[in-house]
Amino acid sequence: MPIIEIKTIIKTDLKTCFDLARNVDFHKVSMAHSNEKAIAGKTSGLIELDESVTWEATHFGIKQKLTSKITEFKSPTYFVDEMVSGAFKSFKHEHIFQKVNDSTLMIDKFHFQSPFGILGKLANFLFLKRYMKNLLETRNGYLKIKAEEITMLEHRNS
């Protein structure tokens, strides 16, 4: 099972990062390039333990639906979303937040299995793992910018 791990240092507090990472509205904005929309379940606001969301997005030129559910939740340091239905055989996305000095270390661990047996493994090797890593890095870049912007505005207004 391929695992993608991405570490991002963000100059803000744990709660700001944690809440942005589980904010359905922010997710829509950060994934606008794939025309991602929440179409069922929790479609707005902060997703919580045992809640699910169904996303519709276009990847590889194909419109797809994916439903994920929050299966573990420890505010503000950890949550997990897992695929309930969708294009993967399975996935588990761990979101880990650690305080490092005056910043937050955000760690994404994305475990996934492709469908289609050996063809899926070949797709992982040829392009899927790289595609998913780029997708997560893009989203984390948006999250970093937004979280640091929120913190800067809060400091300016206090």
C-alpha atoms as a PDB file:
ATOM      1  CA  MET A   1       0.000   0.000   0.000  1.00  0.00           C
ATOM      2  CA  PRO A   2       1.615   3.312  -1.047  1.00  0.00           C
ATOM      3  CA  ILE A   3       2.021   5.967   1.639  1.00  0.00           C
ATOM      4  CA  ILE A   4       2.587   9.636   0.951  1.00  0.00           C
ATOM      5  CA  GLU A   5       3.939  11.719   3.829  1.00  0.00           C
ATOM      6  CA  ILE A   6       4.124  15.493   3.620  1.00  0.00           C
ATOM      7  CA  LYS A   7       5.399  17.822   6.343  1.00  0.00           C
ATOM      8  CA  THR A   8       4.536  21.523   6.313  1.00  0.00           C
ATOM      9  CA  ILE A   9       5.681  24.156   8.834  1.00  0.00           C
ATOM     10  CA  ILE A  10       3.057  26.859   9.345  1.00  0.00           C
ATOM     11  CA  LYS A  11       3.639  30.003  11.419  1.00  0.00           C
ATOM     12  CA  THR A  12       0.443  29.789  13.430  1.00  0.00           C
ATOM     13  CA  ASP A  13      -1.142  27.883  16.292  1.00  0.00           C
ATOM     14  CA  LEU A  14      -2.407  24.280  16.289  1.00  0.00           C
ATOM     15  CA  LYS A  15      -6.116  25.158  16.398  1.00  0.00           C
ATOM     16  CA  THR A  16      -5.996  27.432  13.345  1.00  0.00           C
ATOM     17  CA  CYS A  17      -4.333  24.691  11.269  1.00  0.00           C
ATOM     18  CA  PHE A  18      -6.561  21.939  12.655  1.00  0.00           C
ATOM     19  CA  ASP A  19      -9.765  23.870  11.937  1.00  0.00           C
ATOM     20  CA  LEU A  20      -8.702  24.901   8.425  1.00  0.00           C
ATOM     21  CA  ALA A  21      -7.752  21.305   7.563  1.00  0.00           C
ATOM     22  CA  ARG A  22     -11.265  20.088   8.447  1.00  0.00           C
ATOM     23  CA  ASN A  23     -13.149  23.057   7.022  1.00  0.00           C
ATOM     24  CA  VAL A  24     -15.299  21.913   4.097  1.00  0.00           C
ATOM     25  CA  ASP A  25     -15.627  25.446   2.692  1.00  0.00           C
ATOM     26  CA  PHE A  26     -11.844  25.981   2.732  1.00  0.00           C
ATOM     27  CA  HIS A  27     -11.334  22.576   1.090  1.00  0.00           C
ATOM     28  CA  LYS A  28     -13.576  23.665  -1.810  1.00  0.00           C
ATOM     29  CA  VAL A  29     -11.479  26.818  -2.325  1.00  0.00           C
ATOM     30  CA  SER A  30      -8.144  24.980  -2.071  1.00  0.00           C
ATOM     31  CA  MET A  31      -9.271  22.387  -4.626  1.00  0.00           C
ATOM     32  CA  ALA A  32     -10.954  24.779  -7.074  1.00  0.00           C
ATOM     33  CA  HIS A  33      -8.553  23.677  -9.838  1.00  0.00           C
ATOM     34  CA  SER A  34     -10.316  20.272  -9.882  1.00  0.00           C
ATOM     35  CA  ASN A  35     -13.773  21.858  -9.567  1.00  0.00           C
ATOM     36  CA  GLU A  36     -14.301  20.009  -6.271  1.00  0.00           C
ATOM     37  CA  LYS A  37     -17.750  20.384  -4.689  1.00  0.00           C
ATOM     38  CA  ALA A  38     -19.300  18.957  -1.528  1.00  0.00           C
ATOM     39  CA  ILE A  39     -22.582  17.444  -2.731  1.00  0.00           C
ATOM     40  CA  ALA A  40     -23.814  15.324   0.219  1.00  0.00           C
ATOM     41  CA  GLY A  41     -23.278  14.828   3.937  1.00  0.00           C
ATOM     42  CA  LYS A  42     -21.465  17.693   5.649  1.00  0.00           C
ATOM     43  CA  THR A  43     -21.342  20.252   2.819  1.00  0.00           C
ATOM     44  CA  SER A  44     -20.224  23.329   4.775  1.00  0.00           C
ATOM     45  CA  GLY A  45     -18.383  24.275   7.962  1.00  0.00           C
ATOM     46  CA  LEU A  46     -16.171  22.171  10.234  1.00  0.00           C
ATOM     47  CA  ILE A  47     -16.481  18.410   9.848  1.00  0.00           C
ATOM     48  CA  GLU A  48     -16.535  16.403  13.096  1.00  0.00           C
ATOM     49  CA  LEU A  49     -16.095  12.799  14.259  1.00  0.00           C
ATOM     50  CA  ASP A  50     -18.388  10.296  12.483  1.00  0.00           C
ATOM     51  CA  GLU A  51     -19.507  12.879   9.898  1.00  0.00           C
ATOM     52  CA  SER A  52     -19.028  12.225   6.211  1.00  0.00           C
ATOM     53  CA  VAL A  53     -18.870  14.296   3.053  1.00  0.00           C
ATOM     54  CA  THR A  54     -19.339  13.310  -0.571  1.00  0.00           C
ATOM     55  CA  TRP A  55     -17.128  15.193  -3.005  1.00  0.00           C
ATOM     56  CA  GLU A  56     -17.567  15.542  -6.735  1.00  0.00           C
ATOM     57  CA  ALA A  57     -14.454  16.527  -8.677  1.00  0.00           C
ATOM     58  CA  THR A  58     -12.764  16.154 -12.025  1.00  0.00           C
ATOM     59  CA  HIS A  59      -9.464  14.253 -12.072  1.00  0.00           C
ATOM     60  CA  PHE A  60      -7.758  12.957 -15.222  1.00  0.00           C
ATOM     61  CA  GLY A  61     -10.610  14.517 -17.219  1.00  0.00           C
ATOM     62  CA  ILE A  62     -13.200  12.279 -15.503  1.00  0.00           C
ATOM     63  CA  LYS A  63     -15.923  13.502 -13.144  1.00  0.00           C
ATOM     64  CA  GLN A  64     -15.738  11.384  -9.980  1.00  0.00           C
ATOM     65  CA  LYS A  65     -17.490  11.066  -6.620  1.00  0.00           C
ATOM     66  CA  LEU A  66     -15.797  10.155  -3.373  1.00  0.00           C
ATOM     67  CA  THR A  67     -17.282   9.852   0.106  1.00  0.00           C
ATOM     68  CA  SER A  68     -15.021  10.061   3.154  1.00  0.00           C
ATOM     69  CA  LYS A  69     -15.809   9.850   6.858  1.00  0.00           C
ATOM     70  CA  ILE A  70     -14.011  11.208   9.923  1.00  0.00           C
ATOM     71  CA  THR A  71     -13.098   8.042  11.835  1.00  0.00           C
ATOM     72  CA  GLU A  72     -10.697   9.416  14.469  1.00  0.00           C
ATOM     73  CA  PHE A  73     -10.660  12.856  16.060  1.00  0.00           C
ATOM     74  CA  LYS A  74      -8.537  14.434  18.798  1.00  0.00           C
ATOM     75  CA  SER A  75      -8.738  18.225  18.703  1.00  0.00           C
ATOM     76  CA  PRO A  76      -6.462  20.055  17.926  1.00  0.00           C
ATOM     77  CA  THR A  77      -3.739  17.489  17.158  1.00  0.00           C
ATOM     78  CA  TYR A  78      -5.133  14.650  15.063  1.00  0.00           C
ATOM     79  CA  PHE A  79      -7.927  13.465  12.824  1.00  0.00           C
ATOM     80  CA  VAL A  80      -8.384  10.799  10.189  1.00  0.00           C
ATOM     81  CA  ASP A  81     -10.652  10.679   7.177  1.00  0.00           C
ATOM     82  CA  GLU A  82     -11.217   7.382   5.391  1.00  0.00           C
ATOM     83  CA  MET A  83     -12.861   6.623   2.086  1.00  0.00           C
ATOM     84  CA  VAL A  84     -16.312   5.058   2.322  1.00  0.00           C
ATOM     85  CA  SER A  85     -16.834   4.904  -1.441  1.00  0.00           C
ATOM     86  CA  GLY A  86     -14.974   6.183  -4.468  1.00  0.00           C
ATOM     87  CA  ALA A  87     -12.354   5.486  -7.100  1.00  0.00           C
ATOM     88  CA  PHE A  88      -9.704   4.046  -4.770  1.00  0.00           C
ATOM     89  CA  LYS A  89      -9.854   0.522  -3.395  1.00  0.00           C
ATOM     90  CA  SER A  90      -9.252   2.270  -0.042  1.00  0.00           C
ATOM     91  CA  PHE A  91      -7.596   5.266   1.538  1.00  0.00           C
ATOM     92  CA  LYS A  92      -6.832   6.551   5.008  1.00  0.00           C
ATOM     93  CA  HIS A  93      -5.665  10.149   5.409  1.00  0.00           C
ATOM     94  CA  GLU A  94      -4.064  11.003   8.756  1.00  0.00           C
ATOM     95  CA  HIS A  95      -3.816  14.689   9.675  1.00  0.00           C
ATOM     96  CA  ILE A  96      -1.282  15.300  12.462  1.00  0.00           C
ATOM     97  CA  PHE A  97      -0.534  18.678  14.076  1.00  0.00           C
ATOM     98  CA  GLN A  98       2.429  19.293  16.399  1.00  0.00           C
ATOM     99  CA  LYS A  99       3.544  22.487  18.117  1.00  0.00           C
ATOM    100  CA  VAL A 100       7.104  23.454  17.147  1.00  0.00           C
ATOM    101  CA  ASN A 101       8.265  26.664  18.838  1.00  0.00           C
ATOM    102  CA  ASP A 102       5.881  29.393  17.603  1.00  0.00           C
ATOM    103  CA  SER A 103       4.688  27.317  14.631  1.00  0.00           C
ATOM    104  CA  THR A 104       2.738  24.193  13.790  1.00  0.00           C
ATOM    105  CA  LEU A 105       4.172  21.174  12.030  1.00  0.00           C
ATOM    106  CA  MET A 106       1.368  19.730   9.904  1.00  0.00           C
ATOM    107  CA  ILE A 107       1.948  16.146   8.795  1.00  0.00           C
ATOM    108  CA  ASP A 108      -0.202  14.425   6.206  1.00  0.00           C
ATOM    109  CA  LYS A 109       0.032  10.644   5.934  1.00  0.00           C
ATOM    110  CA  PHE A 110      -2.009   9.416   2.994  1.00  0.00           C
ATOM    111  CA  HIS A 111      -2.286   5.605   2.749  1.00  0.00           C
ATOM    112  CA  PHE A 112      -4.056   4.351  -0.361  1.00  0.00           C
ATOM    113  CA  GLN A 113      -4.739   1.286  -2.458  1.00  0.00           C
ATOM    114  CA  SER A 114      -5.634   1.518  -6.116  1.00  0.00           C
ATOM    115  CA  PRO A 115      -8.233  -0.753  -7.658  1.00  0.00           C
ATOM    116  CA  PHE A 116      -7.515  -3.113 -10.573  1.00  0.00           C
ATOM    117  CA  GLY A 117      -4.781  -5.273  -9.012  1.00  0.00           C
ATOM    118  CA  ILE A 118      -1.533  -5.232 -10.977  1.00  0.00           C
ATOM    119  CA  LEU A 119      -2.809  -2.490 -13.306  1.00  0.00           C
ATOM    120  CA  GLY A 120      -3.494  -0.317 -10.255  1.00  0.00           C
ATOM    121  CA  LYS A 121       0.027  -0.956  -8.958  1.00  0.00           C
ATOM    122  CA  LEU A 122       1.418   0.043 -12.337  1.00  0.00           C
ATOM    123  CA  ALA A 123      -0.693   3.226 -12.301  1.00  0.00           C
ATOM    124  CA  ASN A 124       0.680   4.031  -8.809  1.00  0.00           C
ATOM    125  CA  PHE A 125       4.225   3.677 -10.079  1.00  0.00           C
ATOM    126  CA  LEU A 126       3.688   5.585 -13.331  1.00  0.00           C
ATOM    127  CA  PHE A 127       1.621   8.557 -12.172  1.00  0.00           C
ATOM    128  CA  LEU A 128      -0.947   8.188  -9.373  1.00  0.00           C
ATOM    129  CA  LYS A 129       1.354   8.513  -6.350  1.00  0.00           C
ATOM    130  CA  ARG A 130       3.020  11.600  -7.873  1.00  0.00           C
ATOM    131  CA  TYR A 131      -0.406  13.067  -8.774  1.00  0.00           C
ATOM    132  CA  MET A 132      -1.731  12.576  -5.237  1.00  0.00           C
ATOM    133  CA  LYS A 133       1.439  14.017  -3.693  1.00  0.00           C
ATOM    134  CA  ASN A 134       1.142  17.126  -5.896  1.00  0.00           C
ATOM    135  CA  LEU A 135      -2.543  17.466  -4.986  1.00  0.00           C
ATOM    136  CA  LEU A 136      -1.765  17.318  -1.247  1.00  0.00           C
ATOM    137  CA  GLU A 137       1.189  19.711  -1.564  1.00  0.00           C
ATOM    138  CA  THR A 138      -0.978  22.204  -3.459  1.00  0.00           C
ATOM    139  CA  ARG A 139      -3.689  22.029  -0.814  1.00  0.00           C
ATOM    140  CA  ASN A 140      -1.133  22.379   1.988  1.00  0.00           C
ATOM    141  CA  GLY A 141       0.329  25.434   0.282  1.00  0.00           C
ATOM    142  CA  TYR A 142      -3.100  27.080   0.274  1.00  0.00           C
ATOM    143  CA  LEU A 143      -3.624  26.075   3.909  1.00  0.00           C
ATOM    144  CA  LYS A 144      -0.257  27.550   4.948  1.00  0.00           C
ATOM    145  CA  ILE A 145      -1.001  30.870   3.236  1.00  0.00           C
ATOM    146  CA  LYS A 146      -4.515  31.129   4.700  1.00  0.00           C
ATOM    147  CA  ALA A 147      -3.497  30.087   8.241  1.00  0.00           C
ATOM    148  CA  GLU A 148      -0.608  32.560   8.349  1.00  0.00           C
ATOM    149  CA  GLU A 149      -2.875  35.277   6.951  1.00  0.00           C
ATOM    150  CA  ILE A 150      -5.448  34.616   9.712  1.00  0.00           C
ATOM    151  CA  THR A 151      -2.747  34.811  12.379  1.00  0.00           C
ATOM    152  CA  MET A 152      -1.302  38.019  10.935  1.00  0.00           C
ATOM    153  CA  LEU A 153      -4.756  39.657  10.904  1.00  0.00           C
ATOM    154  CA  GLU A 154      -5.464  38.544  14.475  1.00  0.00           C
ATOM    155  CA  HIS A 155      -2.152  40.042  15.677  1.00  0.00           C
ATOM    156  CA  ARG A 156      -2.827  43.245  13.780  1.00  0.00           C
ATOM    157  CA  ASN A 157      -6.299  43.582  15.334  1.00  0.00           C
ATOM    158  CA  SER A 158      -5.205  42.871  18.918  1.00  0.00           C
END
